[in-house]
């Protein structure tokens, strides 16, 4: 049982989330990063498209993560 606790609950609880909340948050971040990464690859080939998509995604995700963690600590 302690292994289950460590594998599935320790980290989510350390950031103030249940397992399911963490699953959805981490999935959102992953999908958002994949989409931004694809936009960056397209921008590499066609510099006229997605000029700020990567920067915007990084900024938004950073803000969301930092604000969430700060709220959890308070």
PDB file of N, CA and C in Angstrom:
ATOM      1  N   UNK A   1       0.819  -1.202   0.000  1.00  0.00           N
ATOM      2  CA  UNK A   1       0.000   0.000   0.000  1.00  0.00           C
ATOM      3  C   UNK A   1       0.860   1.262   0.000  1.00  0.00           C
ATOM      4  N   UNK A   2       1.992   1.240   0.687  1.00  0.00           N
ATOM      5  CA  UNK A   2       2.858   2.411   0.698  1.00  0.00           C
ATOM      6  C   UNK A   2       3.413   2.711  -0.685  1.00  0.00           C
ATOM      7  N   UNK A   3       3.662   1.674  -1.472  1.00  0.00           N
ATOM      8  CA  UNK A   3       4.140   1.878  -2.834  1.00  0.00           C
ATOM      9  C   UNK A   3       3.082   2.601  -3.657  1.00  0.00           C
ATOM     10  N   UNK A   4       1.830   2.186  -3.524  1.00  0.00           N
ATOM     11  CA  UNK A   4       0.724   2.849  -4.223  1.00  0.00           C
ATOM     12  C   UNK A   4       0.656   4.318  -3.807  1.00  0.00           C
ATOM     13  N   UNK A   5       0.747   4.564  -2.511  1.00  0.00           N
ATOM     14  CA  UNK A   5       0.724   5.935  -1.984  1.00  0.00           C
ATOM     15  C   UNK A   5       1.837   6.761  -2.620  1.00  0.00           C
ATOM     16  N   UNK A   6       3.033   6.214  -2.638  1.00  0.00           N
ATOM     17  CA  UNK A   6       4.179   6.947  -3.169  1.00  0.00           C
ATOM     18  C   UNK A   6       4.042   7.189  -4.669  1.00  0.00           C
ATOM     19  N   UNK A   7       3.602   6.192  -5.391  1.00  0.00           N
ATOM     20  CA  UNK A   7       3.528   6.304  -6.846  1.00  0.00           C
ATOM     21  C   UNK A   7       2.415   7.229  -7.326  1.00  0.00           C
ATOM     22  N   UNK A   8       1.262   7.171  -6.674  1.00  0.00           N
ATOM     23  CA  UNK A   8       0.098   7.861  -7.213  1.00  0.00           C
ATOM     24  C   UNK A   8      -0.377   9.067  -6.413  1.00  0.00           C
ATOM     25  N   UNK A   9       0.066   9.228  -5.183  1.00  0.00           N
ATOM     26  CA  UNK A   9      -0.507  10.305  -4.373  1.00  0.00           C
ATOM     27  C   UNK A   9       0.510  11.277  -3.807  1.00  0.00           C
ATOM     28  N   UNK A  10       1.733  10.837  -3.620  1.00  0.00           N
ATOM     29  CA  UNK A  10       2.714  11.687  -2.947  1.00  0.00           C
ATOM     30  C   UNK A  10       2.930  13.013  -3.672  1.00  0.00           C
ATOM     31  N   UNK A  11       3.270  12.959  -4.946  1.00  0.00           N
ATOM     32  CA  UNK A  11       3.524  14.200  -5.684  1.00  0.00           C
ATOM     33  C   UNK A  11       2.263  15.049  -5.848  1.00  0.00           C
ATOM     34  N   UNK A  12       1.144  14.499  -6.305  1.00  0.00           N
ATOM     35  CA  UNK A  12      -0.052  15.345  -6.416  1.00  0.00           C
ATOM     36  C   UNK A  12      -0.399  16.050  -5.106  1.00  0.00           C
ATOM     37  N   UNK A  13      -0.312  15.335  -3.996  1.00  0.00           N
ATOM     38  CA  UNK A  13      -0.620  15.953  -2.707  1.00  0.00           C
ATOM     39  C   UNK A  13       0.386  17.041  -2.356  1.00  0.00           C
ATOM     40  N   UNK A  14       1.637  16.879  -2.802  1.00  0.00           N
ATOM     41  CA  UNK A  14       2.661  17.883  -2.493  1.00  0.00           C
ATOM     42  C   UNK A  14       2.411  19.206  -3.209  1.00  0.00           C
ATOM     43  N   UNK A  15       1.616  19.169  -4.274  1.00  0.00           N
ATOM     44  CA  UNK A  15       1.268  20.408  -4.988  1.00  0.00           C
ATOM     45  C   UNK A  15      -0.198  20.778  -4.780  1.00  0.00           C
ATOM     46  N   UNK A  16      -0.829  20.148  -3.787  1.00  0.00           N
ATOM     47  CA  UNK A  16      -2.191  20.520  -3.410  1.00  0.00           C
ATOM     48  C   UNK A  16      -3.280  20.006  -4.322  1.00  0.00           C
ATOM     49  N   UNK A  17      -3.056  18.855  -4.948  1.00  0.00           N
ATOM     50  CA  UNK A  17      -4.044  18.291  -5.866  1.00  0.00           C
ATOM     51  C   UNK A  17      -4.334  16.841  -5.503  1.00  0.00           C
ATOM     52  N   UNK A  18      -5.526  16.400  -5.884  1.00  0.00           N
ATOM     53  CA  UNK A  18      -5.823  14.971  -5.809  1.00  0.00           C
ATOM     54  C   UNK A  18      -5.171  14.310  -7.022  1.00  0.00           C
ATOM     55  N   UNK A  19      -5.207  12.988  -7.050  1.00  0.00           N
ATOM     56  CA  UNK A  19      -4.645  12.289  -8.208  1.00  0.00           C
ATOM     57  C   UNK A  19      -5.343  12.719  -9.494  1.00  0.00           C
ATOM     58  N   UNK A  20      -6.678  12.773  -9.483  1.00  0.00           N
ATOM     59  CA  UNK A  20      -7.416  13.139 -10.698  1.00  0.00           C
ATOM     60  C   UNK A  20      -7.174  14.587 -11.104  1.00  0.00           C
ATOM     61  N   UNK A  21      -7.123  15.485 -10.129  1.00  0.00           N
ATOM     62  CA  UNK A  21      -6.817  16.882 -10.458  1.00  0.00           C
ATOM     63  C   UNK A  21      -5.449  16.980 -11.116  1.00  0.00           C
ATOM     64  N   UNK A  22      -4.486  16.264 -10.564  1.00  0.00           N
ATOM     65  CA  UNK A  22      -3.142  16.279 -11.130  1.00  0.00           C
ATOM     66  C   UNK A  22      -3.130  15.656 -12.522  1.00  0.00           C
ATOM     67  N   UNK A  23      -3.869  14.583 -12.705  1.00  0.00           N
ATOM     68  CA  UNK A  23      -3.966  13.939 -14.016  1.00  0.00           C
ATOM     69  C   UNK A  23      -4.451  14.929 -15.065  1.00  0.00           C
ATOM     70  N   UNK A  24      -5.511  15.663 -14.740  1.00  0.00           N
ATOM     71  CA  UNK A  24      -6.064  16.615 -15.701  1.00  0.00           C
ATOM     72  C   UNK A  24      -5.135  17.809 -15.915  1.00  0.00           C
ATOM     73  N   UNK A  25      -4.549  18.326 -14.849  1.00  0.00           N
ATOM     74  CA  UNK A  25      -3.628  19.462 -14.985  1.00  0.00           C
ATOM     75  C   UNK A  25      -2.405  19.073 -15.810  1.00  0.00           C
ATOM     76  N   UNK A  26      -1.794  17.945 -15.480  1.00  0.00           N
ATOM     77  CA  UNK A  26      -0.599  17.502 -16.196  1.00  0.00           C
ATOM     78  C   UNK A  26      -0.926  17.188 -17.655  1.00  0.00           C
ATOM     79  N   UNK A  27      -2.088  16.609 -17.904  1.00  0.00           N
ATOM     80  CA  UNK A  27      -2.505  16.321 -19.281  1.00  0.00           C
ATOM     81  C   UNK A  27      -2.705  17.610 -20.060  1.00  0.00           C
ATOM     82  N   UNK A  28      -3.340  18.597 -19.427  1.00  0.00           N
ATOM     83  CA  UNK A  28      -3.531  19.898 -20.079  1.00  0.00           C
ATOM     84  C   UNK A  28      -2.176  20.510 -20.443  1.00  0.00           C
ATOM     85  N   UNK A  29      -1.245  20.497 -19.482  1.00  0.00           N
ATOM     86  CA  UNK A  29       0.078  21.061 -19.742  1.00  0.00           C
ATOM     87  C   UNK A  29       0.759  20.318 -20.889  1.00  0.00           C
ATOM     88  N   UNK A  30       0.674  18.999 -20.884  1.00  0.00           N
ATOM     89  CA  UNK A  30       1.315  18.204 -21.927  1.00  0.00           C
ATOM     90  C   UNK A  30       0.751  18.480 -23.308  1.00  0.00           C
ATOM     91  N   UNK A  31      -0.568  18.525 -23.414  1.00  0.00           N
ATOM     92  CA  UNK A  31      -1.208  18.797 -24.707  1.00  0.00           C
ATOM     93  C   UNK A  31      -0.874  20.210 -25.171  1.00  0.00           C
ATOM     94  N   UNK A  32      -0.898  21.160 -24.240  1.00  0.00           N
ATOM     95  CA  UNK A  32      -0.582  22.555 -24.583  1.00  0.00           C
ATOM     96  C   UNK A  32       0.858  22.675 -25.081  1.00  0.00           C
ATOM     97  N   UNK A  33       1.784  21.960 -24.424  1.00  0.00           N
ATOM     98  CA  UNK A  33       3.183  22.001 -24.852  1.00  0.00           C
ATOM     99  C   UNK A  33       3.381  21.320 -26.202  1.00  0.00           C
ATOM    100  N   UNK A  34       2.675  20.220 -26.429  1.00  0.00           N
ATOM    101  CA  UNK A  34       2.770  19.560 -27.737  1.00  0.00           C
ATOM    102  C   UNK A  34       2.273  20.479 -28.851  1.00  0.00           C
ATOM    103  N   UNK A  35       1.140  21.132 -28.616  1.00  0.00           N
ATOM    104  CA  UNK A  35       0.590  22.047 -29.621  1.00  0.00           C
ATOM    105  C   UNK A  35       1.549  23.205 -29.874  1.00  0.00           C
ATOM    106  N   UNK A  36       2.106  23.768 -28.810  1.00  0.00           N
ATOM    107  CA  UNK A  36       3.054  24.873 -28.970  1.00  0.00           C
ATOM    108  C   UNK A  36       4.322  24.395 -29.674  1.00  0.00           C
ATOM    109  N   UNK A  37       4.755  23.183 -29.358  1.00  0.00           N
ATOM    110  CA  UNK A  37       5.933  22.625 -30.017  1.00  0.00           C
ATOM    111  C   UNK A  37       5.723  22.440 -31.510  1.00  0.00           C
ATOM    112  N   UNK A  38       4.548  21.952 -31.880  1.00  0.00           N
ATOM    113  CA  UNK A  38       4.236  21.813 -33.310  1.00  0.00           C
ATOM    114  C   UNK A  38       4.200  23.178 -33.989  1.00  0.00           C
ATOM    115  N   UNK A  39       3.624  24.156 -33.316  1.00  0.00           N
ATOM    116  CA  UNK A  39       3.593  25.511 -33.870  1.00  0.00           C
ATOM    117  C   UNK A  39       5.015  26.037 -34.059  1.00  0.00           C
ATOM    118  N   UNK A  40       5.897  25.757 -33.113  1.00  0.00           N
ATOM    119  CA  UNK A  40       7.291  26.199 -33.232  1.00  0.00           C
ATOM    120  C   UNK A  40       7.996  25.513 -34.406  1.00  0.00           C
ATOM    121  N   UNK A  41       7.713  24.232 -34.597  1.00  0.00           N
ATOM    122  CA  UNK A  41       8.303  23.528 -35.740  1.00  0.00           C
ATOM    123  C   UNK A  41       7.811  24.111 -37.060  1.00  0.00           C
ATOM    124  N   UNK A  42       6.523  24.414 -37.127  1.00  0.00           N
ATOM    125  CA  UNK A  42       5.994  25.051 -38.338  1.00  0.00           C
ATOM    126  C   UNK A  42       6.597  26.437 -38.525  1.00  0.00           C
ATOM    127  N   UNK A  43       6.789  27.159 -37.444  1.00  0.00           N
ATOM    128  CA  UNK A  43       7.412  28.482 -37.507  1.00  0.00           C
ATOM    129  C   UNK A  43       8.849  28.381 -38.031  1.00  0.00           C
ATOM    130  N   UNK A  44       9.540  27.297 -37.679  1.00  0.00           N
ATOM    131  CA  UNK A  44      10.906  27.111 -38.162  1.00  0.00           C
ATOM    132  C   UNK A  44      10.944  27.010 -39.685  1.00  0.00           C
ATOM    133  N   UNK A  45       9.927  26.360 -40.253  1.00  0.00           N
ATOM    134  CA  UNK A  45       9.858  26.180 -41.707  1.00  0.00           C
ATOM    135  C   UNK A  45       9.266  27.415 -42.380  1.00  0.00           C
ATOM    136  N   UNK A  46       8.223  27.965 -41.772  1.00  0.00           N
ATOM    137  CA  UNK A  46       7.532  29.142 -42.310  1.00  0.00           C
ATOM    138  C   UNK A  46       7.568  30.258 -41.258  1.00  0.00           C
ATOM    139  N   UNK A  47       8.618  31.063 -41.260  1.00  0.00           N
ATOM    140  CA  UNK A  47       8.775  32.081 -40.217  1.00  0.00           C
ATOM    141  C   UNK A  47       7.632  33.091 -40.123  1.00  0.00           C
ATOM    142  N   UNK A  48       6.788  33.145 -41.120  1.00  0.00           N
ATOM    143  CA  UNK A  48       5.690  34.111 -41.105  1.00  0.00           C
ATOM    144  C   UNK A  48       4.491  33.629 -40.288  1.00  0.00           C
ATOM    145  N   UNK A  49       4.511  32.371 -39.825  1.00  0.00           N
ATOM    146  CA  UNK A  49       3.380  31.851 -39.046  1.00  0.00           C
ATOM    147  C   UNK A  49       3.802  31.577 -37.600  1.00  0.00           C
ATOM    148  N   UNK A  50       2.836  31.645 -36.702  1.00  0.00           N
ATOM    149  CA  UNK A  50       3.044  31.316 -35.284  1.00  0.00           C
ATOM    150  C   UNK A  50       4.244  32.059 -34.679  1.00  0.00           C
ATOM    151  N   UNK A  51       4.311  33.351 -34.934  1.00  0.00           N
ATOM    152  CA  UNK A  51       5.457  34.150 -34.488  1.00  0.00           C
ATOM    153  C   UNK A  51       5.591  34.231 -32.970  1.00  0.00           C
ATOM    154  N   UNK A  52       4.494  34.205 -32.254  1.00  0.00           N
ATOM    155  CA  UNK A  52       4.567  34.354 -30.791  1.00  0.00           C
ATOM    156  C   UNK A  52       3.943  33.178 -30.036  1.00  0.00           C
ATOM    157  N   UNK A  53       3.538  32.148 -30.739  1.00  0.00           N
ATOM    158  CA  UNK A  53       2.828  31.033 -30.108  1.00  0.00           C
ATOM    159  C   UNK A  53       3.656  30.341 -29.029  1.00  0.00           C
ATOM    160  N   UNK A  54       4.906  30.041 -29.313  1.00  0.00           N
ATOM    161  CA  UNK A  54       5.758  29.367 -28.335  1.00  0.00           C
ATOM    162  C   UNK A  54       5.972  30.207 -27.092  1.00  0.00           C
ATOM    163  N   UNK A  55       6.308  31.457 -27.294  1.00  0.00           N
ATOM    164  CA  UNK A  55       6.545  32.368 -26.169  1.00  0.00           C
ATOM    165  C   UNK A  55       5.286  32.536 -25.326  1.00  0.00           C
ATOM    166  N   UNK A  56       4.144  32.689 -26.003  1.00  0.00           N
ATOM    167  CA  UNK A  56       2.876  32.858 -25.293  1.00  0.00           C
ATOM    168  C   UNK A  56       2.533  31.616 -24.475  1.00  0.00           C
ATOM    169  N   UNK A  57       2.704  30.444 -25.064  1.00  0.00           N
ATOM    170  CA  UNK A  57       2.394  29.194 -24.358  1.00  0.00           C
ATOM    171  C   UNK A  57       3.275  29.033 -23.124  1.00  0.00           C
ATOM    172  N   UNK A  58       4.563  29.285 -23.282  1.00  0.00           N
ATOM    173  CA  UNK A  58       5.481  29.157 -22.152  1.00  0.00           C
ATOM    174  C   UNK A  58       5.102  30.127 -21.042  1.00  0.00           C
ATOM    175  N   UNK A  59       4.818  31.354 -21.412  1.00  0.00           N
ATOM    176  CA  UNK A  59       4.451  32.372 -20.423  1.00  0.00           C
ATOM    177  C   UNK A  59       3.167  31.996 -19.684  1.00  0.00           C
ATOM    178  N   UNK A  60       2.153  31.570 -20.434  1.00  0.00           N
ATOM    179  CA  UNK A  60       0.874  31.199 -19.818  1.00  0.00           C
ATOM    180  C   UNK A  60       1.016  29.983 -18.902  1.00  0.00           C
ATOM    181  N   UNK A  61       1.744  28.975 -19.352  1.00  0.00           N
ATOM    182  CA  UNK A  61       1.913  27.772 -18.539  1.00  0.00           C
ATOM    183  C   UNK A  61       2.733  28.070 -17.283  1.00  0.00           C
ATOM    184  N   UNK A  62       3.758  28.881 -17.429  1.00  0.00           N
ATOM    185  CA  UNK A  62       4.569  29.256 -16.271  1.00  0.00           C
ATOM    186  C   UNK A  62       3.722  30.005 -15.250  1.00  0.00           C
ATOM    187  N   UNK A  63       2.953  30.969 -15.714  1.00  0.00           N
ATOM    188  CA  UNK A  63       2.094  31.736 -14.811  1.00  0.00           C
ATOM    189  C   UNK A  63       1.096  30.830 -14.113  1.00  0.00           C
ATOM    190  N   UNK A  64       0.476  29.946 -14.878  1.00  0.00           N
ATOM    191  CA  UNK A  64      -0.521  29.044 -14.297  1.00  0.00           C
ATOM    192  C   UNK A  64       0.109  28.149 -13.229  1.00  0.00           C
ATOM    193  N   UNK A  65       1.277  27.620 -13.507  1.00  0.00           N
ATOM    194  CA  UNK A  65       1.926  26.726 -12.554  1.00  0.00           C
ATOM    195  C   UNK A  65       2.403  27.493 -11.320  1.00  0.00           C
ATOM    196  N   UNK A  66       3.028  28.628 -11.513  1.00  0.00           N
ATOM    197  CA  UNK A  66       3.555  29.406 -10.389  1.00  0.00           C
ATOM    198  C   UNK A  66       2.424  29.920  -9.510  1.00  0.00           C
ATOM    199  N   UNK A  67       1.363  30.440 -10.115  1.00  0.00           N
ATOM    200  CA  UNK A  67       0.242  30.943  -9.329  1.00  0.00           C
ATOM    201  C   UNK A  67      -0.442  29.819  -8.564  1.00  0.00           C
ATOM    202  N   UNK A  68      -0.583  28.664  -9.201  1.00  0.00           N
ATOM    203  CA  UNK A  68      -1.208  27.517  -8.535  1.00  0.00           C
ATOM    204  C   UNK A  68      -0.383  27.082  -7.328  1.00  0.00           C
ATOM    205  N   UNK A  69       0.913  26.990  -7.512  1.00  0.00           N
ATOM    206  CA  UNK A  69       1.776  26.565  -6.406  1.00  0.00           C
ATOM    207  C   UNK A  69       1.790  27.604  -5.292  1.00  0.00           C
ATOM    208  N   UNK A  70       1.796  28.881  -5.653  1.00  0.00           N
ATOM    209  CA  UNK A  70       1.788  29.939  -4.641  1.00  0.00           C
ATOM    210  C   UNK A  70       0.492  29.896  -3.840  1.00  0.00           C
ATOM    211  N   UNK A  71      -0.625  29.654  -4.517  1.00  0.00           N
ATOM    212  CA  UNK A  71      -1.916  29.571  -3.839  1.00  0.00           C
ATOM    213  C   UNK A  71      -1.935  28.376  -2.885  1.00  0.00           C
ATOM    214  N   UNK A  72      -1.317  27.275  -3.294  1.00  0.00           N
ATOM    215  CA  UNK A  72      -1.270  26.073  -2.456  1.00  0.00           C
ATOM    216  C   UNK A  72      -0.449  26.317  -1.188  1.00  0.00           C
ATOM    217  N   UNK A  73       0.612  27.092  -1.306  1.00  0.00           N
ATOM    218  CA  UNK A  73       1.494  27.344  -0.160  1.00  0.00           C
ATOM    219  C   UNK A  73       0.843  28.253   0.872  1.00  0.00           C
ATOM    220  N   UNK A  74      -0.070  29.120   0.430  1.00  0.00           N
ATOM    221  CA  UNK A  74      -0.699  30.081   1.359  1.00  0.00           C
ATOM    222  C   UNK A  74      -1.704  29.428   2.272  1.00  0.00           C
TER     223      UNK A  74
END
